[in-house]
N, C-alpha and C. Protein backbone atom coordinates (compact mmCIF):
# COMPACT_ATOMS: atom_id res chain seq x y z
N MET A 1 0.85 -1.17 0.00
CA MET A 1 0.00 0.00 0.00
C MET A 1 0.89 1.23 0.00
N GLY A 2 0.54 2.29 -0.71
CA GLY A 2 1.38 3.48 -0.84
C GLY A 2 1.20 4.45 0.30
N TYR A 3 1.82 5.58 0.15
CA TYR A 3 1.78 6.65 1.12
C TYR A 3 0.36 7.21 1.22
N GLN A 4 -0.14 7.34 2.43
CA GLN A 4 -1.47 7.90 2.68
C GLN A 4 -1.34 9.11 3.59
N PRO A 5 -1.72 10.31 3.14
CA PRO A 5 -1.67 11.47 4.03
C PRO A 5 -2.69 11.31 5.13
N ARG A 6 -2.41 11.91 6.27
CA ARG A 6 -3.33 11.83 7.40
C ARG A 6 -4.04 13.17 7.54
N PHE A 7 -5.35 13.11 7.71
CA PHE A 7 -6.14 14.32 7.92
C PHE A 7 -6.69 14.29 9.33
N PHE A 8 -6.73 15.42 9.95
CA PHE A 8 -7.28 15.54 11.29
C PHE A 8 -8.64 16.21 11.20
N GLU A 9 -9.38 16.24 12.31
CA GLU A 9 -10.73 16.78 12.31
C GLU A 9 -10.78 18.22 11.82
N ASP A 10 -9.78 19.03 12.08
CA ASP A 10 -9.81 20.44 11.66
C ASP A 10 -9.29 20.61 10.23
N GLN A 11 -9.17 19.52 9.46
CA GLN A 11 -8.72 19.53 8.07
C GLN A 11 -7.26 19.92 7.90
N THR A 12 -6.48 19.85 8.98
CA THR A 12 -5.05 20.08 8.86
C THR A 12 -4.43 18.83 8.25
N HIS A 13 -3.51 18.99 7.35
CA HIS A 13 -2.87 17.88 6.68
C HIS A 13 -1.40 17.87 7.06
N VAL A 14 -0.93 16.75 7.55
CA VAL A 14 0.47 16.60 7.89
C VAL A 14 1.09 15.64 6.89
N ASP A 15 2.07 16.10 6.17
CA ASP A 15 2.76 15.29 5.18
C ASP A 15 3.90 14.56 5.89
N VAL A 16 3.64 13.31 6.26
CA VAL A 16 4.64 12.55 7.02
C VAL A 16 5.60 11.80 6.11
N GLY A 17 5.41 11.90 4.80
CA GLY A 17 6.30 11.22 3.86
C GLY A 17 7.56 12.02 3.58
N ARG A 18 7.71 13.16 4.20
CA ARG A 18 8.88 14.01 4.00
C ARG A 18 9.83 13.86 5.18
N ALA A 19 11.09 14.16 4.95
CA ALA A 19 12.08 14.12 6.03
C ALA A 19 11.70 15.10 7.13
N THR A 20 11.27 16.30 6.73
CA THR A 20 10.78 17.29 7.69
C THR A 20 9.30 17.47 7.42
N PRO A 21 8.43 16.96 8.29
CA PRO A 21 7.00 17.06 8.03
C PRO A 21 6.56 18.51 7.84
N ARG A 22 5.67 18.70 6.89
CA ARG A 22 5.15 20.03 6.57
C ARG A 22 3.64 20.01 6.86
N VAL A 23 3.18 21.03 7.56
CA VAL A 23 1.76 21.12 7.89
C VAL A 23 1.15 22.20 7.00
N ARG A 24 0.03 21.88 6.39
CA ARG A 24 -0.67 22.88 5.58
C ARG A 24 -2.17 22.71 5.74
N ARG A 25 -2.88 23.75 5.45
CA ARG A 25 -4.34 23.73 5.53
C ARG A 25 -4.92 23.18 4.24
N ASN A 26 -6.05 22.54 4.35
CA ASN A 26 -6.78 22.08 3.18
C ASN A 26 -7.21 23.31 2.38
N SER A 27 -7.29 23.24 1.06
CA SER A 27 -7.56 24.40 0.23
C SER A 27 -9.05 24.71 0.08
N GLY A 28 -9.89 24.23 0.96
CA GLY A 28 -11.32 24.52 0.88
C GLY A 28 -11.62 25.99 0.90
N GLY A 29 -10.83 26.77 1.63
CA GLY A 29 -11.03 28.22 1.69
C GLY A 29 -10.78 28.89 0.35
N ARG A 30 -9.81 28.39 -0.38
CA ARG A 30 -9.49 28.96 -1.69
C ARG A 30 -10.65 28.75 -2.66
N ALA A 31 -11.24 27.57 -2.65
CA ALA A 31 -12.38 27.30 -3.52
C ALA A 31 -13.56 28.18 -3.16
N ARG A 32 -13.76 28.38 -1.87
CA ARG A 32 -14.87 29.22 -1.40
C ARG A 32 -14.64 30.67 -1.85
N ARG A 33 -13.41 31.16 -1.71
CA ARG A 33 -13.10 32.53 -2.15
C ARG A 33 -13.29 32.66 -3.66
N GLY A 34 -12.94 31.63 -4.41
CA GLY A 34 -13.13 31.66 -5.86
C GLY A 34 -14.59 31.74 -6.24
N ALA A 35 -15.43 30.99 -5.52
CA ALA A 35 -16.87 31.02 -5.78
C ALA A 35 -17.45 32.39 -5.46
N VAL A 36 -17.02 32.97 -4.35
CA VAL A 36 -17.49 34.31 -3.96
C VAL A 36 -17.05 35.33 -5.01
N ALA A 37 -15.83 35.23 -5.50
CA ALA A 37 -15.33 36.15 -6.52
C ALA A 37 -16.13 36.02 -7.81
N ALA A 38 -16.49 34.79 -8.19
CA ALA A 38 -17.27 34.58 -9.41
C ALA A 38 -18.65 35.21 -9.29
N ILE A 39 -19.29 35.03 -8.15
CA ILE A 39 -20.61 35.63 -7.93
C ILE A 39 -20.51 37.14 -7.90
N SER A 40 -19.49 37.65 -7.25
CA SER A 40 -19.27 39.10 -7.19
C SER A 40 -19.07 39.66 -8.60
N GLY A 41 -18.32 38.95 -9.42
CA GLY A 41 -18.09 39.38 -10.80
C GLY A 41 -19.37 39.41 -11.61
N LEU A 42 -20.21 38.38 -11.44
CA LEU A 42 -21.50 38.35 -12.15
C LEU A 42 -22.38 39.52 -11.74
N LEU A 43 -22.42 39.80 -10.45
CA LEU A 43 -23.24 40.91 -9.96
C LEU A 43 -22.72 42.24 -10.51
N ALA A 44 -21.42 42.40 -10.56
CA ALA A 44 -20.82 43.62 -11.11
C ALA A 44 -21.19 43.76 -12.58
N GLU A 45 -21.12 42.67 -13.34
CA GLU A 45 -21.46 42.71 -14.75
C GLU A 45 -22.93 43.08 -14.95
N GLU A 46 -23.81 42.55 -14.11
CA GLU A 46 -25.24 42.88 -14.21
C GLU A 46 -25.47 44.36 -13.92
N ARG A 47 -24.79 44.89 -12.94
CA ARG A 47 -24.93 46.31 -12.59
C ARG A 47 -24.45 47.20 -13.75
N VAL A 48 -23.33 46.83 -14.35
CA VAL A 48 -22.80 47.60 -15.48
C VAL A 48 -23.75 47.51 -16.67
N GLU A 49 -24.24 46.32 -16.94
CA GLU A 49 -25.18 46.13 -18.05
C GLU A 49 -26.41 47.02 -17.87
N ALA A 50 -26.96 47.05 -16.66
CA ALA A 50 -28.13 47.88 -16.38
C ALA A 50 -27.83 49.36 -16.63
N GLN A 51 -26.63 49.79 -16.28
CA GLN A 51 -26.26 51.19 -16.49
C GLN A 51 -26.17 51.52 -17.98
N TYR A 52 -25.56 50.63 -18.76
CA TYR A 52 -25.48 50.87 -20.20
C TYR A 52 -26.88 50.89 -20.83
N GLU A 53 -27.73 49.95 -20.44
CA GLU A 53 -29.10 49.92 -20.98
C GLU A 53 -29.86 51.18 -20.61
N ALA A 54 -29.69 51.67 -19.39
CA ALA A 54 -30.37 52.89 -18.95
C ALA A 54 -29.93 54.10 -19.78
N GLN A 55 -28.74 54.04 -20.35
CA GLN A 55 -28.23 55.14 -21.17
C GLN A 55 -28.56 54.95 -22.65
N GLY A 56 -29.38 53.94 -22.96
CA GLY A 56 -29.84 53.74 -24.33
C GLY A 56 -28.99 52.83 -25.19
N TYR A 57 -28.03 52.15 -24.60
CA TYR A 57 -27.21 51.21 -25.35
C TYR A 57 -27.98 49.91 -25.54
N GLN A 58 -27.78 49.25 -26.68
CA GLN A 58 -28.38 47.94 -26.91
C GLN A 58 -27.32 46.89 -26.60
N VAL A 59 -27.65 45.97 -25.71
CA VAL A 59 -26.72 44.90 -25.36
C VAL A 59 -26.82 43.80 -26.41
N LEU A 60 -25.72 43.52 -27.07
CA LEU A 60 -25.68 42.49 -28.10
C LEU A 60 -25.24 41.14 -27.56
N ALA A 61 -24.36 41.16 -26.57
CA ALA A 61 -23.84 39.89 -26.03
C ALA A 61 -23.32 40.10 -24.62
N ARG A 62 -23.48 39.06 -23.82
CA ARG A 62 -22.93 39.01 -22.47
C ARG A 62 -21.95 37.85 -22.42
N ARG A 63 -20.78 38.11 -21.88
CA ARG A 63 -19.76 37.06 -21.76
C ARG A 63 -19.53 36.33 -23.08
N TRP A 64 -19.35 37.12 -24.13
CA TRP A 64 -19.13 36.54 -25.45
C TRP A 64 -17.74 35.91 -25.48
N ARG A 65 -17.70 34.66 -25.94
CA ARG A 65 -16.42 33.95 -25.95
C ARG A 65 -16.05 33.58 -27.38
N GLY A 66 -14.84 33.96 -27.74
CA GLY A 66 -14.27 33.58 -29.03
C GLY A 66 -12.98 32.82 -28.80
N LYS A 67 -12.27 32.54 -29.86
CA LYS A 67 -11.01 31.80 -29.74
C LYS A 67 -9.96 32.60 -28.98
N ALA A 68 -10.00 33.93 -29.12
CA ALA A 68 -8.99 34.78 -28.49
C ALA A 68 -9.28 35.04 -27.01
N GLY A 69 -10.53 34.91 -26.60
CA GLY A 69 -10.86 35.17 -25.21
C GLY A 69 -12.31 35.57 -25.04
N GLU A 70 -12.62 36.10 -23.86
CA GLU A 70 -13.98 36.45 -23.51
C GLU A 70 -14.12 37.96 -23.36
N ILE A 71 -15.28 38.47 -23.80
CA ILE A 71 -15.62 39.88 -23.63
C ILE A 71 -16.83 39.92 -22.71
N ASP A 72 -16.71 40.69 -21.61
CA ASP A 72 -17.78 40.72 -20.62
C ASP A 72 -19.10 41.22 -21.19
N LEU A 73 -19.05 42.29 -21.96
CA LEU A 73 -20.28 42.91 -22.46
C LEU A 73 -20.00 43.54 -23.83
N VAL A 74 -20.89 43.28 -24.79
CA VAL A 74 -20.79 43.91 -26.10
C VAL A 74 -22.08 44.69 -26.31
N CYS A 75 -21.95 45.98 -26.56
CA CYS A 75 -23.11 46.85 -26.76
C CYS A 75 -23.00 47.56 -28.11
N GLU A 76 -24.13 48.11 -28.52
CA GLU A 76 -24.15 48.94 -29.72
C GLU A 76 -24.84 50.25 -29.38
N HIS A 77 -24.28 51.34 -29.87
CA HIS A 77 -24.85 52.66 -29.61
C HIS A 77 -24.45 53.59 -30.75
N GLY A 78 -25.44 54.15 -31.42
CA GLY A 78 -25.15 55.07 -32.51
C GLY A 78 -24.33 54.45 -33.63
N GLY A 79 -24.54 53.18 -33.89
CA GLY A 79 -23.81 52.48 -34.94
C GLY A 79 -22.44 51.98 -34.55
N ALA A 80 -21.97 52.32 -33.36
CA ALA A 80 -20.65 51.88 -32.89
C ALA A 80 -20.79 50.66 -31.99
N LEU A 81 -19.80 49.80 -32.04
CA LEU A 81 -19.74 48.66 -31.13
C LEU A 81 -18.90 49.05 -29.93
N ILE A 82 -19.41 48.74 -28.74
CA ILE A 82 -18.70 49.05 -27.51
C ILE A 82 -18.39 47.73 -26.81
N PHE A 83 -17.12 47.47 -26.60
CA PHE A 83 -16.67 46.26 -25.92
C PHE A 83 -16.28 46.68 -24.50
N VAL A 84 -16.92 46.05 -23.53
CA VAL A 84 -16.77 46.48 -22.14
C VAL A 84 -16.10 45.39 -21.32
N GLU A 85 -15.05 45.76 -20.63
CA GLU A 85 -14.40 44.87 -19.65
C GLU A 85 -14.78 45.37 -18.27
N VAL A 86 -15.36 44.49 -17.47
CA VAL A 86 -15.83 44.84 -16.13
C VAL A 86 -14.80 44.36 -15.11
N LYS A 87 -14.42 45.24 -14.21
CA LYS A 87 -13.50 44.90 -13.13
C LYS A 87 -14.11 45.38 -11.82
N SER A 88 -14.06 44.53 -10.80
CA SER A 88 -14.57 44.93 -9.49
C SER A 88 -13.50 44.74 -8.44
N ALA A 89 -13.51 45.63 -7.46
CA ALA A 89 -12.54 45.61 -6.37
C ALA A 89 -13.08 46.53 -5.27
N PRO A 90 -12.44 46.56 -4.12
CA PRO A 90 -12.91 47.45 -3.05
C PRO A 90 -12.97 48.93 -3.47
N SER A 91 -12.08 49.35 -4.38
CA SER A 91 -12.10 50.74 -4.85
C SER A 91 -11.97 50.75 -6.37
N HIS A 92 -12.36 51.87 -6.97
CA HIS A 92 -12.22 51.99 -8.42
C HIS A 92 -10.76 51.91 -8.84
N ALA A 93 -9.88 52.51 -8.06
CA ALA A 93 -8.45 52.48 -8.39
C ALA A 93 -7.91 51.06 -8.39
N GLN A 94 -8.31 50.27 -7.40
CA GLN A 94 -7.86 48.87 -7.35
C GLN A 94 -8.43 48.08 -8.51
N ALA A 95 -9.67 48.37 -8.89
CA ALA A 95 -10.27 47.68 -10.03
C ALA A 95 -9.50 48.01 -11.31
N ALA A 96 -9.12 49.27 -11.48
CA ALA A 96 -8.37 49.68 -12.67
C ALA A 96 -7.02 48.98 -12.74
N GLU A 97 -6.40 48.77 -11.60
CA GLU A 97 -5.09 48.10 -11.56
C GLU A 97 -5.18 46.65 -12.01
N ARG A 98 -6.36 46.07 -11.95
CA ARG A 98 -6.53 44.66 -12.32
C ARG A 98 -6.65 44.45 -13.82
N LEU A 99 -6.73 45.52 -14.58
CA LEU A 99 -6.80 45.41 -16.03
C LEU A 99 -5.39 45.47 -16.59
N LEU A 100 -4.89 44.33 -17.01
CA LEU A 100 -3.51 44.21 -17.47
C LEU A 100 -3.40 44.35 -18.99
N ARG A 101 -2.25 44.76 -19.47
CA ARG A 101 -2.01 44.95 -20.90
C ARG A 101 -2.30 43.66 -21.68
N ARG A 102 -1.85 42.55 -21.16
CA ARG A 102 -2.06 41.25 -21.82
C ARG A 102 -3.55 40.98 -22.01
N GLN A 103 -4.33 41.34 -21.00
CA GLN A 103 -5.77 41.14 -21.07
C GLN A 103 -6.41 42.09 -22.09
N MET A 104 -5.94 43.33 -22.13
CA MET A 104 -6.44 44.29 -23.11
C MET A 104 -6.19 43.77 -24.53
N ASP A 105 -5.00 43.25 -24.76
CA ASP A 105 -4.66 42.72 -26.08
C ASP A 105 -5.58 41.56 -26.45
N ARG A 106 -5.85 40.69 -25.48
CA ARG A 106 -6.72 39.55 -25.71
C ARG A 106 -8.15 40.01 -26.05
N ILE A 107 -8.63 41.03 -25.35
CA ILE A 107 -9.97 41.56 -25.60
C ILE A 107 -10.03 42.18 -27.00
N CYS A 108 -8.98 42.89 -27.39
CA CYS A 108 -8.94 43.47 -28.74
C CYS A 108 -8.99 42.38 -29.81
N MET A 109 -8.27 41.30 -29.60
CA MET A 109 -8.28 40.19 -30.55
C MET A 109 -9.67 39.56 -30.61
N ALA A 110 -10.30 39.38 -29.45
CA ALA A 110 -11.65 38.81 -29.42
C ALA A 110 -12.65 39.75 -30.10
N ALA A 111 -12.46 41.06 -29.94
CA ALA A 111 -13.35 42.04 -30.58
C ALA A 111 -13.23 41.94 -32.11
N CYS A 112 -12.02 41.77 -32.61
CA CYS A 112 -11.82 41.60 -34.05
C CYS A 112 -12.55 40.35 -34.53
N GLU A 113 -12.49 39.32 -33.73
CA GLU A 113 -13.18 38.07 -34.06
C GLU A 113 -14.70 38.31 -34.08
N PHE A 114 -15.22 39.04 -33.10
CA PHE A 114 -16.64 39.36 -33.02
C PHE A 114 -17.07 40.14 -34.27
N CYS A 115 -16.25 41.10 -34.67
CA CYS A 115 -16.58 41.95 -35.83
C CYS A 115 -16.56 41.18 -37.14
N GLY A 116 -15.88 40.06 -37.17
CA GLY A 116 -15.82 39.24 -38.37
C GLY A 116 -17.18 38.79 -38.85
N ASP A 117 -18.14 38.68 -37.93
CA ASP A 117 -19.50 38.25 -38.28
C ASP A 117 -20.42 39.43 -38.58
N ARG A 118 -19.92 40.64 -38.50
CA ARG A 118 -20.74 41.85 -38.72
C ARG A 118 -20.66 42.27 -40.19
N PRO A 119 -21.70 42.95 -40.69
CA PRO A 119 -21.67 43.38 -42.09
C PRO A 119 -20.47 44.27 -42.44
N ALA A 120 -20.10 45.18 -41.55
CA ALA A 120 -18.96 46.07 -41.82
C ALA A 120 -17.63 45.42 -41.48
N GLY A 121 -17.67 44.27 -40.84
CA GLY A 121 -16.44 43.56 -40.49
C GLY A 121 -15.52 44.39 -39.62
N LEU A 122 -14.23 44.35 -39.92
CA LEU A 122 -13.25 45.10 -39.13
C LEU A 122 -13.31 46.60 -39.37
N LEU A 123 -14.14 47.02 -40.31
CA LEU A 123 -14.33 48.46 -40.53
C LEU A 123 -15.39 49.04 -39.59
N SER A 124 -15.96 48.19 -38.75
CA SER A 124 -16.96 48.66 -37.78
C SER A 124 -16.32 49.66 -36.83
N GLU A 125 -17.09 50.69 -36.47
CA GLU A 125 -16.61 51.64 -35.46
C GLU A 125 -16.61 50.92 -34.12
N MET A 126 -15.49 50.97 -33.42
CA MET A 126 -15.35 50.25 -32.15
C MET A 126 -14.85 51.16 -31.05
N ARG A 127 -15.24 50.80 -29.83
CA ARG A 127 -14.74 51.50 -28.65
C ARG A 127 -14.55 50.46 -27.55
N PHE A 128 -13.50 50.63 -26.76
CA PHE A 128 -13.20 49.70 -25.67
C PHE A 128 -13.32 50.45 -24.35
N ASP A 129 -14.31 50.07 -23.56
CA ASP A 129 -14.54 50.71 -22.27
C ASP A 129 -14.10 49.80 -21.13
N ALA A 130 -13.69 50.41 -20.05
CA ALA A 130 -13.44 49.69 -18.80
C ALA A 130 -14.50 50.17 -17.82
N ALA A 131 -15.26 49.24 -17.28
CA ALA A 131 -16.28 49.57 -16.28
C ALA A 131 -15.77 49.08 -14.94
N LEU A 132 -15.55 50.01 -14.03
CA LEU A 132 -14.98 49.70 -12.72
C LEU A 132 -16.08 49.76 -11.68
N VAL A 133 -16.18 48.70 -10.88
CA VAL A 133 -17.20 48.62 -9.84
C VAL A 133 -16.50 48.52 -8.50
N ASP A 134 -16.84 49.44 -7.58
CA ASP A 134 -16.19 49.42 -6.26
C ASP A 134 -16.98 48.55 -5.29
N GLY A 135 -16.50 48.44 -4.07
CA GLY A 135 -17.10 47.59 -3.06
C GLY A 135 -18.52 47.97 -2.67
N LEU A 136 -18.91 49.21 -2.95
CA LEU A 136 -20.27 49.66 -2.66
C LEU A 136 -21.19 49.50 -3.86
N GLY A 137 -20.67 48.96 -4.95
CA GLY A 137 -21.48 48.73 -6.14
C GLY A 137 -21.57 49.93 -7.06
N ARG A 138 -20.79 50.97 -6.80
CA ARG A 138 -20.79 52.15 -7.67
C ARG A 138 -20.00 51.85 -8.94
N VAL A 139 -20.54 52.28 -10.07
CA VAL A 139 -19.93 52.00 -11.36
C VAL A 139 -19.27 53.27 -11.91
N GLN A 140 -18.04 53.13 -12.35
CA GLN A 140 -17.33 54.21 -13.04
C GLN A 140 -16.90 53.66 -14.40
N VAL A 141 -17.39 54.28 -15.47
CA VAL A 141 -17.05 53.83 -16.81
C VAL A 141 -15.96 54.74 -17.38
N ILE A 142 -14.92 54.13 -17.88
CA ILE A 142 -13.86 54.86 -18.58
C ILE A 142 -14.02 54.52 -20.05
N GLU A 143 -14.58 55.47 -20.81
CA GLU A 143 -14.77 55.26 -22.23
C GLU A 143 -13.43 55.33 -22.95
N ASN A 144 -13.32 54.50 -23.99
CA ASN A 144 -12.08 54.46 -24.78
C ASN A 144 -10.87 54.21 -23.89
N ALA A 145 -11.02 53.29 -22.95
CA ALA A 145 -9.96 53.01 -21.98
C ALA A 145 -8.72 52.41 -22.63
N PHE A 146 -8.92 51.66 -23.69
CA PHE A 146 -7.79 51.05 -24.38
C PHE A 146 -8.21 50.67 -25.79
N GLY A 147 -7.27 50.35 -26.60
CA GLY A 147 -7.57 49.93 -27.97
C GLY A 147 -6.36 49.27 -28.59
N GLY A 148 -6.61 48.57 -29.67
CA GLY A 148 -5.55 47.83 -30.34
C GLY A 148 -4.81 48.71 -31.25
């Protein structure tokens, strides 16, 4: 029979197969935090979507996924396509810091893919917005936040 880790009632795991035993906590907390973050993200996206709709934008897609990546929200307004990346954090500044260059590039590539199915194709007028949601649920939209 092989090595069997021992678990105690408080979910502490002691790795006795090592020369110096290492104690670590079970990762149940990490999964719980991930689930909370996913729900928080969905709520932030819904709040942003409601704000765009209230301003007369037509929502074309939510969480649109292409080969290049996912776009949180795709809207149309005045003939232009608006690709929205939603970020939530305790403050708007912290949310803005979570938008990385690599992610912006991926969103731009996905937007090009989305436009491939449109009549105007890549000649479509496009705008890339960042919608920042703080811990109180307040939304701050930065229009033309980035572009390819």
